[in-house]
């Protein structure tokens, strides 16, 4: 583990100052959308406006969080944005969190271009500029404030790996008030994919998160509703079924009204919890960060030959990465479902191993672990999509009863299953395992690092 540098001021709790900002993201129509491989077409409309929502908190130290209504950012993009924010605001990089809510109804953010060594399309720069501006405005708006922490319960998610799989219905809630008690912001962390809308949708949207924010703002007028995605990798909205490699069209979604109803459930629960919280002026605000070097998957000849054999291709065939997924459907049709699953699984396993270092931007990436203390809340921010088991494990290990993982924080390196997820029956058919980037012990190493950082902050 490599510590980044001292990431908090010494001392006890101090009087809080806070500022917030909600700045519209305005991607143009006619550009590709992000999140679904099955989507055909480009953005044609807007269901609800997209935003970058920022929260600045300062007490014994200061932190800056910016959550964006985007699917994801690559680690180099997040690093560049954080450096710009540090220069604009004076907040050290290690105390800045830039996250994405992971809506699958947002614009392309240039990941494919970066992986291919190209410059992203021009609209991407405007999105990144808006993120920086939102954070800078939140910092500039800082004024005396109060903070309280609590929990809410919402049950819009279901485990998509298996019928009896775990789901965490808890949302961590942080309420921030102006000095006089008027609501300023509500930060909430909840673990469920924002994927109620499906691949057939061609309109920009924050998915169910948009309606959740509206419900919070209605109950607490003046509050900026800031959603941070929790441990969600194997949790979809309950409107979806189990993932099945042998069944096509699993990413088809629901209509906007049904999507909004899911969001209202979460928003009303969070708003009710926030409304009942006591807030205080004297609270702790601290952050710490470190980097852990963890190997990415590496392809071997055995997995390549297994993938070719699964598609009845000769051992010397050399499909391009983009061709593998077209071939897997066409060349496994007609097989019974059980056999088809087994055959299909060999393809993403090999492609995972072949491409992992590209998505990690290194064969042994240094993965950033960021711990943030906001009053009694302890957040563990990771640039990955952790399964619910990772989130539950963090709650067991964190030295605070109010703890949560924040996913897709400071970049995105695909999925992070818990170590035991690799050992479960049928794990080799699990989408989360097949889309992981790091070796199976990664979650344990990142959790252990987070626990050490959090104990320093607590």
Foldseek 3Di string as FASTA:
>chain_A
DFFPDAFFADDAWFFKKKFKFKAWQDFDWQAQFADDPPADGAADAAPDTWTWIKMWMAIRHIAIETETLHQAFALVLLQVLLVLLCVLQVRDSLRYKYFYLRARQGGDQCPVQVLVVHDRDPSNVSRSVRNSVRRNRGSVGIDGKWKFKDKFFFPQKAFQADRPDDADRIKIWMWMGHPVRQTAAIEIEHAERLQQAFSHDNHHDSFLQVLLQVLLCVLRPNYRYHYFYFQHQRMYGPQFHHDAPLDPPRRHHDDRVVRPVSSNRNNNRNNVGNVPTDIGRTFDKTKTKGWDWFFWAAADLVLLQLLCVLLPHDSPDDDDLVVSVVSLNVRLPPDPRVSSLVNSLSSLQRSLNHCLCSSLVHRTHTWMWMWIDDGQEIETEGLENEHVVLQVVLCVLAPGVHYTYGYNISRHRYAQYALCCCVDVPSSSDPRNSGHTGDSCVSVVSSVVSSVRRVVRD
